[in-house]
């Protein structure tokens, strides 16, 4: 009788896709690394078996900094627009209203 050792490889995998190609949305200030590089992405995260995605564990929209990998969820376009407007106030020297 022979036994075969068949390792089971499982883990997680993430896919990020740009949320909106508008250039105003891709230069939001990052509170972690202090760069103007944060942009919105659609994020999907799955549990994988043998590198095949099986079960979604996260599906949503996030602000993501490509430099330091900081992330923040947002729910809808209005919430994203509010963040962009607050960024405009900061760049002009005014505080949030």
N, C-alpha and C. Protein backbone atom coordinates (compact mmCIF):
# COMPACT_ATOMS: atom_id res chain seq x y z
N UNK A 1 0.85 -1.17 0.00
CA UNK A 1 0.00 0.00 0.00
C UNK A 1 0.89 1.23 0.00
N UNK A 2 0.65 2.12 -0.92
CA UNK A 2 1.45 3.34 -0.97
C UNK A 2 0.57 4.55 -0.68
N UNK A 3 1.18 5.51 -0.02
CA UNK A 3 0.47 6.73 0.32
C UNK A 3 1.05 7.88 -0.50
N UNK A 4 0.17 8.66 -1.02
CA UNK A 4 0.60 9.85 -1.76
C UNK A 4 0.42 11.06 -0.87
N UNK A 5 1.40 11.88 -0.88
CA UNK A 5 1.32 13.13 -0.13
C UNK A 5 0.81 14.20 -1.08
N UNK A 6 -0.41 14.62 -0.88
CA UNK A 6 -1.02 15.64 -1.73
C UNK A 6 -1.27 16.87 -0.87
N UNK A 7 -0.41 17.86 -0.94
CA UNK A 7 -0.62 19.06 -0.11
C UNK A 7 -1.83 19.85 -0.59
N UNK A 8 -2.54 20.38 0.36
CA UNK A 8 -3.69 21.24 0.04
C UNK A 8 -3.23 22.67 0.21
N UNK A 9 -3.29 23.42 -0.87
CA UNK A 9 -2.84 24.81 -0.87
C UNK A 9 -4.09 25.69 -0.86
N UNK A 10 -4.25 26.45 0.23
CA UNK A 10 -5.38 27.37 0.29
C UNK A 10 -4.89 28.69 0.86
N UNK A 11 -5.67 29.72 0.61
CA UNK A 11 -5.31 31.05 1.07
C UNK A 11 -6.34 32.06 0.63
N UNK A 12 -5.91 33.30 0.46
CA UNK A 12 -6.80 34.35 -0.02
C UNK A 12 -6.16 35.06 -1.20
N UNK A 13 -6.99 35.67 -2.00
CA UNK A 13 -6.52 36.43 -3.16
C UNK A 13 -7.39 37.65 -3.30
N UNK A 14 -6.76 38.81 -3.60
CA UNK A 14 -7.48 40.06 -3.76
C UNK A 14 -7.34 40.57 -5.19
N UNK A 15 -8.40 41.17 -5.67
CA UNK A 15 -8.38 41.84 -6.97
C UNK A 15 -8.89 43.26 -6.77
N UNK A 16 -8.11 44.23 -7.25
CA UNK A 16 -8.50 45.64 -7.22
C UNK A 16 -8.69 46.12 -8.65
N UNK A 17 -9.77 46.85 -8.87
CA UNK A 17 -10.08 47.41 -10.18
C UNK A 17 -10.38 48.88 -9.97
N UNK A 18 -9.90 49.78 -10.84
CA UNK A 18 -10.19 51.20 -10.65
C UNK A 18 -11.69 51.46 -10.59
N UNK A 19 -12.10 52.32 -9.65
CA UNK A 19 -13.52 52.64 -9.49
C UNK A 19 -13.98 53.67 -10.50
N UNK A 20 -13.17 54.69 -10.72
CA UNK A 20 -13.54 55.78 -11.62
C UNK A 20 -12.27 56.37 -12.21
N UNK A 21 -12.21 56.55 -13.54
CA UNK A 21 -10.98 57.08 -14.16
C UNK A 21 -10.80 58.59 -13.99
N UNK A 22 -11.70 59.26 -13.28
CA UNK A 22 -11.61 60.71 -13.09
C UNK A 22 -10.29 61.05 -12.38
N UNK A 23 -9.43 61.90 -12.99
CA UNK A 23 -8.12 62.20 -12.37
C UNK A 23 -8.23 62.94 -11.03
N UNK A 24 -9.34 63.64 -10.78
CA UNK A 24 -9.51 64.33 -9.49
C UNK A 24 -9.61 63.33 -8.34
N UNK A 25 -10.06 62.11 -8.65
CA UNK A 25 -10.26 61.11 -7.61
C UNK A 25 -9.00 60.30 -7.31
N UNK A 26 -7.96 60.46 -8.10
CA UNK A 26 -6.75 59.66 -7.92
C UNK A 26 -5.62 60.42 -7.25
N UNK A 27 -5.91 61.54 -6.64
CA UNK A 27 -4.86 62.29 -5.94
C UNK A 27 -5.36 62.76 -4.58
N UNK A 28 -6.02 61.87 -3.85
CA UNK A 28 -6.53 62.18 -2.52
C UNK A 28 -5.40 61.99 -1.51
N UNK A 29 -5.38 62.83 -0.50
CA UNK A 29 -4.34 62.81 0.53
C UNK A 29 -4.43 61.53 1.37
N UNK A 30 -3.30 60.88 1.60
CA UNK A 30 -3.23 59.68 2.43
C UNK A 30 -2.88 60.08 3.86
N UNK A 31 -3.72 59.74 4.84
CA UNK A 31 -3.42 60.09 6.23
C UNK A 31 -2.30 59.25 6.84
N UNK A 32 -1.90 58.18 6.17
CA UNK A 32 -0.86 57.31 6.71
C UNK A 32 0.54 57.73 6.25
N UNK A 33 0.74 57.87 4.94
CA UNK A 33 2.08 58.19 4.43
C UNK A 33 2.21 59.64 3.96
N UNK A 34 1.13 60.41 4.02
CA UNK A 34 1.12 61.85 3.72
C UNK A 34 1.45 62.16 2.26
N UNK A 35 1.09 61.26 1.34
CA UNK A 35 1.24 61.52 -0.09
C UNK A 35 -0.14 61.76 -0.69
N UNK A 36 -0.18 62.42 -1.82
CA UNK A 36 -1.44 62.62 -2.54
C UNK A 36 -1.57 61.54 -3.61
N UNK A 37 -1.79 60.31 -3.17
CA UNK A 37 -1.80 59.19 -4.11
C UNK A 37 -2.99 58.25 -3.93
N UNK A 38 -3.89 58.55 -3.02
CA UNK A 38 -5.03 57.66 -2.75
C UNK A 38 -6.04 57.77 -3.87
N UNK A 39 -6.57 56.62 -4.28
CA UNK A 39 -7.60 56.58 -5.30
C UNK A 39 -8.64 55.52 -4.97
N UNK A 40 -9.84 55.63 -5.52
CA UNK A 40 -10.89 54.64 -5.25
C UNK A 40 -10.72 53.39 -6.10
N UNK A 41 -10.99 52.23 -5.50
CA UNK A 41 -10.92 50.95 -6.21
C UNK A 41 -12.14 50.10 -5.82
N UNK A 42 -12.52 49.21 -6.74
CA UNK A 42 -13.47 48.16 -6.42
C UNK A 42 -12.63 46.96 -6.00
N UNK A 43 -12.88 46.45 -4.81
CA UNK A 43 -12.05 45.37 -4.27
C UNK A 43 -12.88 44.11 -4.10
N UNK A 44 -12.28 43.00 -4.51
CA UNK A 44 -12.87 41.68 -4.31
C UNK A 44 -11.82 40.79 -3.67
N UNK A 45 -12.22 40.07 -2.63
CA UNK A 45 -11.30 39.17 -1.95
C UNK A 45 -11.96 37.80 -1.81
N UNK A 46 -11.21 36.75 -2.16
CA UNK A 46 -11.75 35.40 -2.17
C UNK A 46 -10.87 34.45 -1.37
N UNK A 47 -11.48 33.40 -0.82
CA UNK A 47 -10.74 32.25 -0.31
C UNK A 47 -10.43 31.37 -1.50
N UNK A 48 -9.17 30.92 -1.60
CA UNK A 48 -8.76 30.13 -2.76
C UNK A 48 -8.33 28.73 -2.33
N UNK A 49 -8.50 27.80 -3.24
CA UNK A 49 -8.00 26.44 -3.09
C UNK A 49 -7.27 26.10 -4.37
N UNK A 50 -5.98 25.81 -4.25
CA UNK A 50 -5.12 25.59 -5.42
C UNK A 50 -5.18 26.80 -6.36
N UNK A 51 -5.17 27.99 -5.79
CA UNK A 51 -5.15 29.25 -6.53
C UNK A 51 -6.42 29.49 -7.34
N UNK A 52 -7.49 28.76 -7.05
CA UNK A 52 -8.78 28.96 -7.70
C UNK A 52 -9.70 29.65 -6.70
N UNK A 53 -10.25 30.83 -7.04
CA UNK A 53 -11.15 31.52 -6.11
C UNK A 53 -12.44 30.73 -5.91
N UNK A 54 -12.79 30.51 -4.64
CA UNK A 54 -13.98 29.72 -4.33
C UNK A 54 -15.09 30.54 -3.68
N UNK A 55 -14.79 31.19 -2.56
CA UNK A 55 -15.80 31.90 -1.79
C UNK A 55 -15.41 33.36 -1.61
N UNK A 56 -16.31 34.29 -1.94
CA UNK A 56 -15.99 35.70 -1.68
C UNK A 56 -16.06 35.99 -0.18
N UNK A 57 -15.06 36.69 0.33
CA UNK A 57 -15.09 37.10 1.73
C UNK A 57 -15.20 38.61 1.87
N UNK A 58 -14.94 39.35 0.79
CA UNK A 58 -15.15 40.80 0.79
C UNK A 58 -15.44 41.24 -0.64
N UNK A 59 -16.43 42.13 -0.76
CA UNK A 59 -16.79 42.66 -2.07
C UNK A 59 -17.26 44.09 -1.81
N UNK A 60 -16.49 45.09 -2.22
CA UNK A 60 -16.89 46.45 -1.95
C UNK A 60 -15.99 47.48 -2.59
N UNK A 61 -16.15 48.72 -2.14
CA UNK A 61 -15.39 49.85 -2.67
C UNK A 61 -14.51 50.40 -1.56
N UNK A 62 -13.29 50.76 -1.92
CA UNK A 62 -12.34 51.28 -0.94
C UNK A 62 -11.52 52.41 -1.55
N UNK A 63 -11.02 53.27 -0.66
CA UNK A 63 -9.96 54.20 -1.03
C UNK A 63 -8.66 53.48 -0.72
N UNK A 64 -7.70 53.48 -1.66
CA UNK A 64 -6.46 52.72 -1.47
C UNK A 64 -5.26 53.57 -1.86
N UNK A 65 -4.24 53.54 -1.01
CA UNK A 65 -2.97 54.19 -1.31
C UNK A 65 -2.02 53.14 -1.88
N UNK A 66 -1.53 53.31 -3.11
CA UNK A 66 -0.62 52.32 -3.68
C UNK A 66 0.78 52.35 -3.07
N UNK A 67 1.10 53.39 -2.33
CA UNK A 67 2.44 53.52 -1.73
C UNK A 67 2.53 52.74 -0.42
N UNK A 68 1.60 52.99 0.50
CA UNK A 68 1.68 52.36 1.82
C UNK A 68 0.60 51.30 2.05
N UNK A 69 -0.27 51.08 1.07
CA UNK A 69 -1.35 50.08 1.13
C UNK A 69 -2.43 50.41 2.16
N UNK A 70 -2.56 51.68 2.55
CA UNK A 70 -3.64 52.10 3.44
C UNK A 70 -4.97 51.94 2.71
N UNK A 71 -6.01 51.54 3.43
CA UNK A 71 -7.34 51.34 2.83
C UNK A 71 -8.42 51.89 3.74
N UNK A 72 -9.50 52.38 3.12
CA UNK A 72 -10.67 52.86 3.85
C UNK A 72 -11.90 52.57 3.00
N UNK A 73 -12.90 51.93 3.59
CA UNK A 73 -14.14 51.63 2.87
C UNK A 73 -14.94 52.90 2.62
N UNK A 74 -15.66 52.90 1.50
CA UNK A 74 -16.69 53.91 1.27
C UNK A 74 -17.88 53.22 0.64
N UNK A 75 -19.08 53.80 0.87
CA UNK A 75 -20.30 53.11 0.47
C UNK A 75 -20.83 53.50 -0.90
N UNK A 76 -20.79 54.78 -1.23
CA UNK A 76 -21.42 55.21 -2.47
C UNK A 76 -20.69 56.42 -3.06
N UNK A 77 -21.16 56.85 -4.21
CA UNK A 77 -20.54 57.97 -4.93
C UNK A 77 -20.63 59.27 -4.12
N UNK A 78 -21.73 59.47 -3.40
CA UNK A 78 -21.90 60.69 -2.60
C UNK A 78 -20.86 60.77 -1.49
N UNK A 79 -20.60 59.66 -0.85
CA UNK A 79 -19.59 59.63 0.21
C UNK A 79 -18.20 59.91 -0.37
N UNK A 80 -17.91 59.37 -1.55
CA UNK A 80 -16.64 59.63 -2.21
C UNK A 80 -16.53 61.10 -2.59
N UNK A 81 -17.61 61.68 -3.09
CA UNK A 81 -17.59 63.09 -3.47
C UNK A 81 -17.38 63.99 -2.25
N UNK A 82 -17.93 63.59 -1.11
CA UNK A 82 -17.72 64.36 0.13
C UNK A 82 -16.24 64.37 0.51
N UNK A 83 -15.56 63.23 0.37
CA UNK A 83 -14.12 63.16 0.67
C UNK A 83 -13.35 64.06 -0.28
N UNK A 84 -13.71 64.04 -1.57
CA UNK A 84 -13.02 64.88 -2.56
C UNK A 84 -13.25 66.36 -2.25
N UNK A 85 -14.46 66.74 -1.85
CA UNK A 85 -14.74 68.14 -1.50
C UNK A 85 -13.95 68.57 -0.27
N UNK A 86 -13.84 67.69 0.73
CA UNK A 86 -13.04 68.01 1.92
C UNK A 86 -11.57 68.17 1.56
N UNK A 87 -11.09 67.36 0.62
CA UNK A 87 -9.71 67.49 0.15
C UNK A 87 -9.50 68.84 -0.52
N UNK A 88 -10.50 69.28 -1.28
CA UNK A 88 -10.41 70.60 -1.92
C UNK A 88 -10.31 71.71 -0.89
N UNK A 89 -11.07 71.58 0.21
CA UNK A 89 -11.01 72.58 1.28
C UNK A 89 -9.64 72.59 1.94
N UNK A 90 -9.04 71.42 2.13
CA UNK A 90 -7.72 71.33 2.75
C UNK A 90 -6.67 71.98 1.85
N UNK A 91 -6.76 71.71 0.54
CA UNK A 91 -5.78 72.30 -0.39
C UNK A 91 -5.91 73.82 -0.46
N UNK A 92 -7.12 74.34 -0.23
CA UNK A 92 -7.33 75.79 -0.25
C UNK A 92 -6.99 76.45 1.08
N UNK A 93 -6.76 75.64 2.11
CA UNK A 93 -6.39 76.19 3.41
C UNK A 93 -7.53 76.29 4.39
N UNK A 94 -8.73 75.89 4.00
CA UNK A 94 -9.88 75.93 4.90
C UNK A 94 -10.04 74.58 5.58
N UNK A 95 -10.63 74.56 6.75
CA UNK A 95 -10.89 73.32 7.46
C UNK A 95 -12.19 72.69 7.00
N UNK A 96 -12.50 71.47 7.44
CA UNK A 96 -13.76 70.82 7.06
C UNK A 96 -14.94 71.56 7.65
N UNK A 97 -16.02 71.55 6.92
CA UNK A 97 -17.22 72.28 7.36
C UNK A 97 -18.24 71.36 7.93
